[in-house]
Amino acid sequence: MTRLGDLERAVMDVLWDSVPATSGGVTVREVADALDGRELAYTTVMTVLDRLAGKGMVQREREGRAWRYRPAATREAHIAQLMLEALDLGGSRDAALVRFARSVTGTEAEVLRAALRAEAGVTDTAERRPALDEATDR
């Protein structure tokens, strides 16, 4: 997954914000209309959607003469993938994770703790909290 350009991100935002997972998707015209104030040509939006389909970011399905587009993954899944790719950029993954853990707010740290506990199947929160606190200096 690659980092998106400004226009690609704007198009993906339209898809993420307006296309329910159960939907058949939206047309190029609907995306163009939703890009308020950008005054983009229909062909520009179509090209961006085609590029995003080529990157695997959107799925498309033919409907008559038109295509309907929908996101291939949720915004959260995309962001998580970007974070994983950033960890692979070099250096120590562990060091990057520790630095990240030290930079989050208390509320964000609790969200991470809860997710890690749930992933590990741990139900006794008092038993797991000290080990994570020591690792993040929190």
N, C-alpha and C. Protein backbone atom coordinates (compact mmCIF):
# COMPACT_ATOMS: atom_id res chain seq x y z
N MET A 1 0.85 -1.17 0.00
CA MET A 1 0.00 0.00 0.00
C MET A 1 0.90 1.23 0.00
N THR A 2 0.58 2.16 -0.83
CA THR A 2 1.42 3.34 -0.94
C THR A 2 0.72 4.55 -0.34
N ARG A 3 1.54 5.54 -0.06
CA ARG A 3 1.00 6.79 0.45
C ARG A 3 0.21 7.46 -0.68
N LEU A 4 -0.90 8.04 -0.32
CA LEU A 4 -1.78 8.64 -1.32
C LEU A 4 -1.46 10.11 -1.53
N GLY A 5 -1.61 10.56 -2.78
CA GLY A 5 -1.50 11.98 -3.08
C GLY A 5 -2.75 12.71 -2.58
N ASP A 6 -2.73 14.02 -2.64
CA ASP A 6 -3.84 14.83 -2.12
C ASP A 6 -5.17 14.51 -2.80
N LEU A 7 -5.16 14.42 -4.12
CA LEU A 7 -6.41 14.16 -4.84
C LEU A 7 -6.87 12.73 -4.59
N GLU A 8 -5.93 11.79 -4.57
CA GLU A 8 -6.30 10.40 -4.27
C GLU A 8 -6.89 10.30 -2.87
N ARG A 9 -6.31 10.99 -1.91
CA ARG A 9 -6.82 10.98 -0.54
C ARG A 9 -8.22 11.58 -0.49
N ALA A 10 -8.44 12.67 -1.22
CA ALA A 10 -9.77 13.30 -1.25
C ALA A 10 -10.81 12.34 -1.83
N VAL A 11 -10.44 11.63 -2.89
CA VAL A 11 -11.36 10.67 -3.50
C VAL A 11 -11.63 9.53 -2.52
N MET A 12 -10.59 9.02 -1.88
CA MET A 12 -10.78 7.94 -0.90
C MET A 12 -11.64 8.42 0.26
N ASP A 13 -11.46 9.66 0.70
CA ASP A 13 -12.31 10.20 1.77
C ASP A 13 -13.77 10.19 1.36
N VAL A 14 -14.06 10.55 0.10
CA VAL A 14 -15.44 10.50 -0.38
C VAL A 14 -15.95 9.06 -0.29
N LEU A 15 -15.16 8.12 -0.76
CA LEU A 15 -15.59 6.72 -0.73
C LEU A 15 -15.77 6.23 0.70
N TRP A 16 -14.80 6.50 1.57
CA TRP A 16 -14.89 6.04 2.96
C TRP A 16 -16.06 6.69 3.69
N ASP A 17 -16.34 7.95 3.39
CA ASP A 17 -17.39 8.67 4.10
C ASP A 17 -18.79 8.42 3.55
N SER A 18 -18.89 8.00 2.29
CA SER A 18 -20.22 7.93 1.69
C SER A 18 -20.65 6.55 1.19
N VAL A 19 -19.76 5.58 1.23
CA VAL A 19 -20.12 4.27 0.68
C VAL A 19 -20.15 3.23 1.80
N PRO A 20 -21.34 2.80 2.20
CA PRO A 20 -21.41 1.74 3.20
C PRO A 20 -20.82 0.45 2.63
N ALA A 21 -20.28 -0.39 3.50
CA ALA A 21 -19.65 -1.64 3.07
C ALA A 21 -20.60 -2.53 2.28
N THR A 22 -21.88 -2.42 2.57
CA THR A 22 -22.86 -3.27 1.89
C THR A 22 -23.36 -2.65 0.59
N SER A 23 -22.89 -1.45 0.29
CA SER A 23 -23.35 -0.73 -0.89
C SER A 23 -22.72 -1.28 -2.16
N GLY A 24 -23.38 -1.02 -3.26
CA GLY A 24 -22.83 -1.39 -4.56
C GLY A 24 -21.80 -0.40 -5.05
N GLY A 25 -21.56 0.66 -4.29
CA GLY A 25 -20.56 1.65 -4.66
C GLY A 25 -21.18 2.89 -5.27
N VAL A 26 -20.30 3.77 -5.77
CA VAL A 26 -20.71 5.04 -6.35
C VAL A 26 -20.08 5.18 -7.73
N THR A 27 -20.69 6.01 -8.54
CA THR A 27 -20.18 6.27 -9.88
C THR A 27 -19.15 7.39 -9.86
N VAL A 28 -18.45 7.54 -10.97
CA VAL A 28 -17.48 8.63 -11.10
C VAL A 28 -18.19 9.97 -10.90
N ARG A 29 -19.37 10.12 -11.49
CA ARG A 29 -20.13 11.37 -11.37
C ARG A 29 -20.46 11.67 -9.91
N GLU A 30 -20.87 10.66 -9.16
CA GLU A 30 -21.20 10.87 -7.74
C GLU A 30 -19.97 11.28 -6.94
N VAL A 31 -18.82 10.71 -7.25
CA VAL A 31 -17.59 11.11 -6.57
C VAL A 31 -17.24 12.54 -6.96
N ALA A 32 -17.31 12.86 -8.24
CA ALA A 32 -16.99 14.22 -8.70
C ALA A 32 -17.90 15.24 -8.03
N ASP A 33 -19.18 14.92 -7.93
CA ASP A 33 -20.13 15.84 -7.29
C ASP A 33 -19.83 16.01 -5.80
N ALA A 34 -19.32 14.98 -5.16
CA ALA A 34 -19.03 15.04 -3.73
C ALA A 34 -17.74 15.79 -3.42
N LEU A 35 -16.89 15.98 -4.42
CA LEU A 35 -15.64 16.73 -4.22
C LEU A 35 -15.93 18.22 -4.33
N ASP A 36 -16.64 18.73 -3.34
CA ASP A 36 -17.09 20.12 -3.33
C ASP A 36 -15.93 21.10 -3.53
N GLY A 37 -16.17 22.08 -4.37
CA GLY A 37 -15.23 23.17 -4.52
C GLY A 37 -13.97 22.85 -5.30
N ARG A 38 -13.81 21.63 -5.75
CA ARG A 38 -12.59 21.26 -6.48
C ARG A 38 -12.70 21.51 -7.97
N GLU A 39 -13.93 21.55 -8.48
CA GLU A 39 -14.17 21.80 -9.90
C GLU A 39 -13.25 20.97 -10.79
N LEU A 40 -13.30 19.66 -10.59
CA LEU A 40 -12.49 18.74 -11.36
C LEU A 40 -13.27 18.20 -12.55
N ALA A 41 -12.57 17.97 -13.64
CA ALA A 41 -13.20 17.36 -14.80
C ALA A 41 -13.58 15.92 -14.47
N TYR A 42 -14.65 15.48 -15.07
CA TYR A 42 -15.10 14.10 -14.91
C TYR A 42 -13.97 13.13 -15.22
N THR A 43 -13.23 13.41 -16.30
CA THR A 43 -12.16 12.51 -16.72
C THR A 43 -11.02 12.46 -15.71
N THR A 44 -10.79 13.55 -15.00
CA THR A 44 -9.76 13.56 -13.96
C THR A 44 -10.16 12.63 -12.82
N VAL A 45 -11.41 12.72 -12.39
CA VAL A 45 -11.89 11.86 -11.31
C VAL A 45 -11.87 10.40 -11.76
N MET A 46 -12.26 10.16 -13.01
CA MET A 46 -12.24 8.80 -13.55
C MET A 46 -10.81 8.25 -13.56
N THR A 47 -9.85 9.06 -13.95
CA THR A 47 -8.45 8.62 -13.98
C THR A 47 -7.96 8.29 -12.58
N VAL A 48 -8.30 9.13 -11.61
CA VAL A 48 -7.89 8.88 -10.22
C VAL A 48 -8.50 7.58 -9.72
N LEU A 49 -9.77 7.36 -9.97
CA LEU A 49 -10.43 6.12 -9.55
C LEU A 49 -9.81 4.90 -10.24
N ASP A 50 -9.48 5.02 -11.51
CA ASP A 50 -8.82 3.92 -12.21
C ASP A 50 -7.45 3.62 -11.62
N ARG A 51 -6.69 4.67 -11.29
CA ARG A 51 -5.38 4.47 -10.65
C ARG A 51 -5.54 3.80 -9.29
N LEU A 52 -6.53 4.24 -8.52
CA LEU A 52 -6.78 3.64 -7.21
C LEU A 52 -7.20 2.17 -7.35
N ALA A 53 -7.96 1.86 -8.38
CA ALA A 53 -8.33 0.46 -8.64
C ALA A 53 -7.08 -0.35 -8.97
N GLY A 54 -6.18 0.23 -9.76
CA GLY A 54 -4.93 -0.44 -10.10
C GLY A 54 -4.04 -0.69 -8.90
N LYS A 55 -4.12 0.18 -7.91
CA LYS A 55 -3.34 0.03 -6.68
C LYS A 55 -4.01 -0.91 -5.68
N GLY A 56 -5.23 -1.33 -6.00
CA GLY A 56 -5.96 -2.21 -5.09
C GLY A 56 -6.67 -1.48 -3.97
N MET A 57 -6.75 -0.16 -4.06
CA MET A 57 -7.39 0.64 -3.02
C MET A 57 -8.91 0.64 -3.15
N VAL A 58 -9.40 0.50 -4.38
CA VAL A 58 -10.84 0.47 -4.61
C VAL A 58 -11.19 -0.76 -5.43
N GLN A 59 -12.41 -1.18 -5.26
CA GLN A 59 -12.96 -2.26 -6.09
C GLN A 59 -13.97 -1.61 -7.02
N ARG A 60 -14.06 -2.13 -8.21
CA ARG A 60 -15.03 -1.57 -9.14
C ARG A 60 -15.81 -2.70 -9.80
N GLU A 61 -17.03 -2.34 -10.14
CA GLU A 61 -17.92 -3.31 -10.76
C GLU A 61 -18.69 -2.60 -11.86
N ARG A 62 -18.76 -3.24 -12.99
CA ARG A 62 -19.45 -2.65 -14.13
C ARG A 62 -20.95 -2.66 -13.90
N GLU A 63 -21.58 -1.52 -14.20
CA GLU A 63 -23.03 -1.41 -14.14
C GLU A 63 -23.47 -0.72 -15.42
N GLY A 64 -23.91 -1.49 -16.37
CA GLY A 64 -24.23 -0.92 -17.67
C GLY A 64 -22.96 -0.44 -18.34
N ARG A 65 -22.94 0.83 -18.73
CA ARG A 65 -21.75 1.41 -19.34
C ARG A 65 -20.83 2.06 -18.32
N ALA A 66 -21.27 2.16 -17.09
CA ALA A 66 -20.50 2.85 -16.05
C ALA A 66 -19.87 1.84 -15.08
N TRP A 67 -18.93 2.34 -14.31
CA TRP A 67 -18.34 1.55 -13.22
C TRP A 67 -18.86 2.10 -11.90
N ARG A 68 -19.01 1.21 -10.92
CA ARG A 68 -19.34 1.61 -9.55
C ARG A 68 -18.12 1.28 -8.71
N TYR A 69 -17.74 2.22 -7.86
CA TYR A 69 -16.52 2.08 -7.05
C TYR A 69 -16.85 2.04 -5.57
N ARG A 70 -16.07 1.26 -4.84
CA ARG A 70 -16.18 1.23 -3.38
C ARG A 70 -14.79 0.94 -2.81
N PRO A 71 -14.54 1.37 -1.58
CA PRO A 71 -13.21 1.13 -0.99
C PRO A 71 -12.96 -0.37 -0.83
N ALA A 72 -11.71 -0.77 -1.07
CA ALA A 72 -11.34 -2.18 -0.90
C ALA A 72 -11.15 -2.51 0.57
N ALA A 73 -10.85 -1.51 1.39
CA ALA A 73 -10.64 -1.71 2.82
C ALA A 73 -11.13 -0.47 3.55
N THR A 74 -11.34 -0.60 4.84
CA THR A 74 -11.76 0.55 5.64
C THR A 74 -10.60 1.55 5.79
N ARG A 75 -10.95 2.75 6.16
CA ARG A 75 -9.93 3.78 6.43
C ARG A 75 -8.98 3.30 7.53
N GLU A 76 -9.54 2.68 8.56
CA GLU A 76 -8.71 2.20 9.67
C GLU A 76 -7.74 1.12 9.22
N ALA A 77 -8.20 0.22 8.36
CA ALA A 77 -7.31 -0.83 7.84
C ALA A 77 -6.20 -0.21 7.00
N HIS A 78 -6.52 0.81 6.22
CA HIS A 78 -5.52 1.49 5.40
C HIS A 78 -4.47 2.16 6.29
N ILE A 79 -4.92 2.86 7.30
CA ILE A 79 -3.99 3.55 8.20
C ILE A 79 -3.11 2.55 8.94
N ALA A 80 -3.70 1.46 9.40
CA ALA A 80 -2.91 0.43 10.08
C ALA A 80 -1.84 -0.13 9.15
N GLN A 81 -2.19 -0.34 7.87
CA GLN A 81 -1.21 -0.85 6.91
C GLN A 81 -0.09 0.16 6.70
N LEU A 82 -0.42 1.45 6.63
CA LEU A 82 0.61 2.48 6.50
C LEU A 82 1.55 2.49 7.69
N MET A 83 0.98 2.29 8.87
CA MET A 83 1.81 2.26 10.09
C MET A 83 2.76 1.06 10.05
N LEU A 84 2.28 -0.08 9.61
CA LEU A 84 3.13 -1.27 9.50
C LEU A 84 4.24 -1.05 8.47
N GLU A 85 3.89 -0.43 7.36
CA GLU A 85 4.91 -0.15 6.34
C GLU A 85 5.95 0.82 6.86
N ALA A 86 5.53 1.80 7.66
CA ALA A 86 6.48 2.76 8.24
C ALA A 86 7.45 2.04 9.17
N LEU A 87 6.97 1.04 9.89
CA LEU A 87 7.85 0.28 10.77
C LEU A 87 8.91 -0.49 9.98
N ASP A 88 8.61 -0.81 8.75
CA ASP A 88 9.54 -1.57 7.91
C ASP A 88 10.54 -0.68 7.17
N LEU A 89 10.49 0.63 7.38
CA LEU A 89 11.37 1.53 6.64
C LEU A 89 12.84 1.37 7.00
N GLY A 90 13.13 0.74 8.09
CA GLY A 90 14.53 0.53 8.47
C GLY A 90 14.71 0.76 9.95
N GLY A 91 15.89 0.43 10.39
CA GLY A 91 16.16 0.58 11.81
C GLY A 91 15.48 -0.51 12.61
N SER A 92 15.34 -0.25 13.88
CA SER A 92 14.76 -1.23 14.77
C SER A 92 13.26 -1.04 14.90
N ARG A 93 12.52 -2.05 14.53
CA ARG A 93 11.06 -2.02 14.68
C ARG A 93 10.69 -1.84 16.14
N ASP A 94 11.39 -2.58 17.03
CA ASP A 94 11.11 -2.49 18.47
C ASP A 94 11.32 -1.07 18.98
N ALA A 95 12.42 -0.44 18.58
CA ALA A 95 12.70 0.93 19.04
C ALA A 95 11.62 1.89 18.55
N ALA A 96 11.19 1.71 17.29
CA ALA A 96 10.14 2.58 16.75
C ALA A 96 8.84 2.38 17.51
N LEU A 97 8.50 1.13 17.83
CA LEU A 97 7.27 0.85 18.58
C LEU A 97 7.33 1.48 19.97
N VAL A 98 8.48 1.35 20.64
CA VAL A 98 8.60 1.93 21.98
C VAL A 98 8.48 3.45 21.90
N ARG A 99 9.13 4.05 20.92
CA ARG A 99 9.04 5.51 20.77
C ARG A 99 7.59 5.93 20.50
N PHE A 100 6.90 5.19 19.65
CA PHE A 100 5.50 5.47 19.38
C PHE A 100 4.68 5.35 20.66
N ALA A 101 4.88 4.27 21.41
CA ALA A 101 4.12 4.05 22.64
C ALA A 101 4.34 5.18 23.63
N ARG A 102 5.54 5.72 23.66
CA ARG A 102 5.84 6.83 24.58
C ARG A 102 5.22 8.14 24.13
N SER A 103 4.81 8.23 22.86
CA SER A 103 4.28 9.49 22.34
C SER A 103 2.76 9.59 22.41
N VAL A 104 2.08 8.48 22.69
CA VAL A 104 0.62 8.53 22.69
C VAL A 104 0.10 9.11 24.00
N THR A 105 -1.13 9.62 23.96
CA THR A 105 -1.76 10.17 25.15
C THR A 105 -2.17 9.03 26.07
N GLY A 106 -2.55 9.36 27.28
CA GLY A 106 -3.01 8.35 28.23
C GLY A 106 -4.21 7.58 27.72
N THR A 107 -5.14 8.29 27.10
CA THR A 107 -6.33 7.64 26.55
C THR A 107 -5.96 6.70 25.40
N GLU A 108 -5.07 7.16 24.52
CA GLU A 108 -4.61 6.31 23.42
C GLU A 108 -3.86 5.09 23.94
N ALA A 109 -3.06 5.29 24.98
CA ALA A 109 -2.33 4.16 25.57
C ALA A 109 -3.31 3.13 26.13
N GLU A 110 -4.39 3.58 26.73
CA GLU A 110 -5.38 2.65 27.26
C GLU A 110 -6.08 1.88 26.13
N VAL A 111 -6.33 2.54 25.03
CA VAL A 111 -6.91 1.86 23.87
C VAL A 111 -5.96 0.77 23.38
N LEU A 112 -4.67 1.09 23.31
CA LEU A 112 -3.68 0.08 22.90
C LEU A 112 -3.61 -1.07 23.90
N ARG A 113 -3.61 -0.74 25.18
CA ARG A 113 -3.58 -1.80 26.21
C ARG A 113 -4.77 -2.74 26.07
N ALA A 114 -5.95 -2.15 25.91
CA ALA A 114 -7.17 -2.96 25.78
C ALA A 114 -7.10 -3.84 24.53
N ALA A 115 -6.60 -3.30 23.44
CA ALA A 115 -6.49 -4.08 22.21
C ALA A 115 -5.49 -5.22 22.38
N LEU A 116 -4.37 -4.95 23.04
CA LEU A 116 -3.38 -6.00 23.26
C LEU A 116 -3.91 -7.08 24.19
N ARG A 117 -4.65 -6.66 25.21
CA ARG A 117 -5.25 -7.64 26.12
C ARG A 117 -6.26 -8.51 25.37
N ALA A 118 -7.09 -7.88 24.57
CA ALA A 118 -8.10 -8.62 23.81
C ALA A 118 -7.43 -9.58 22.83
N GLU A 119 -6.39 -9.13 22.17
CA GLU A 119 -5.67 -9.98 21.21
C GLU A 119 -5.04 -11.18 21.91
N ALA A 120 -4.54 -10.97 23.13
CA ALA A 120 -3.90 -12.06 23.87
C ALA A 120 -4.91 -12.92 24.61
N GLY A 121 -6.17 -12.48 24.63
CA GLY A 121 -7.19 -13.23 25.34
C GLY A 121 -7.10 -13.08 26.85
N VAL A 122 -6.46 -12.02 27.30
CA VAL A 122 -6.28 -11.77 28.73
C VAL A 122 -7.50 -11.02 29.26
N THR A 123 -8.05 -11.52 30.36
CA THR A 123 -9.21 -10.86 30.95
C THR A 123 -8.87 -10.14 32.24
N ASP A 124 -7.80 -10.55 32.91
CA ASP A 124 -7.41 -9.91 34.16
C ASP A 124 -6.52 -8.71 33.83
N THR A 125 -7.13 -7.52 33.78
CA THR A 125 -6.40 -6.33 33.36
C THR A 125 -5.32 -5.93 34.35
N ALA A 126 -5.52 -6.15 35.62
CA ALA A 126 -4.51 -5.77 36.61
C ALA A 126 -3.25 -6.61 36.45
N GLU A 127 -3.39 -7.84 36.01
CA GLU A 127 -2.23 -8.72 35.84
C GLU A 127 -1.36 -8.28 34.66
N ARG A 128 -1.94 -7.74 33.59
CA ARG A 128 -1.18 -7.38 32.39
C ARG A 128 -0.67 -5.95 32.40
N ARG A 129 -1.30 -5.05 33.11
CA ARG A 129 -0.96 -3.64 33.02
C ARG A 129 0.48 -3.32 33.42
N PRO A 130 1.06 -3.84 34.49
CA PRO A 130 2.42 -3.44 34.85
C PRO A 130 3.45 -3.73 33.76
N ALA A 131 3.35 -4.85 33.08
CA ALA A 131 4.34 -5.18 32.06
C ALA A 131 4.28 -4.16 30.92
N LEU A 132 3.12 -3.77 30.49
CA LEU A 132 3.00 -2.81 29.42
C LEU A 132 3.44 -1.43 29.91
N ASP A 133 3.12 -1.07 31.15
CA ASP A 133 3.54 0.21 31.69
C ASP A 133 5.07 0.32 31.72
N GLU A 134 5.75 -0.76 32.12
CA GLU A 134 7.20 -0.73 32.17
C GLU A 134 7.78 -0.56 30.77
N ALA A 135 7.18 -1.20 29.78
CA ALA A 135 7.71 -1.13 28.42
C ALA A 135 7.55 0.25 27.81
N THR A 136 6.56 0.98 28.26
CA THR A 136 6.30 2.31 27.68
C THR A 136 6.66 3.45 28.62
N ASP A 137 7.18 3.13 29.79
CA ASP A 137 7.50 4.14 30.80
C ASP A 137 6.28 4.95 31.20
N ARG A 138 5.12 4.35 31.23
CA ARG A 138 3.88 5.04 31.64
C ARG A 138 3.35 4.41 32.89
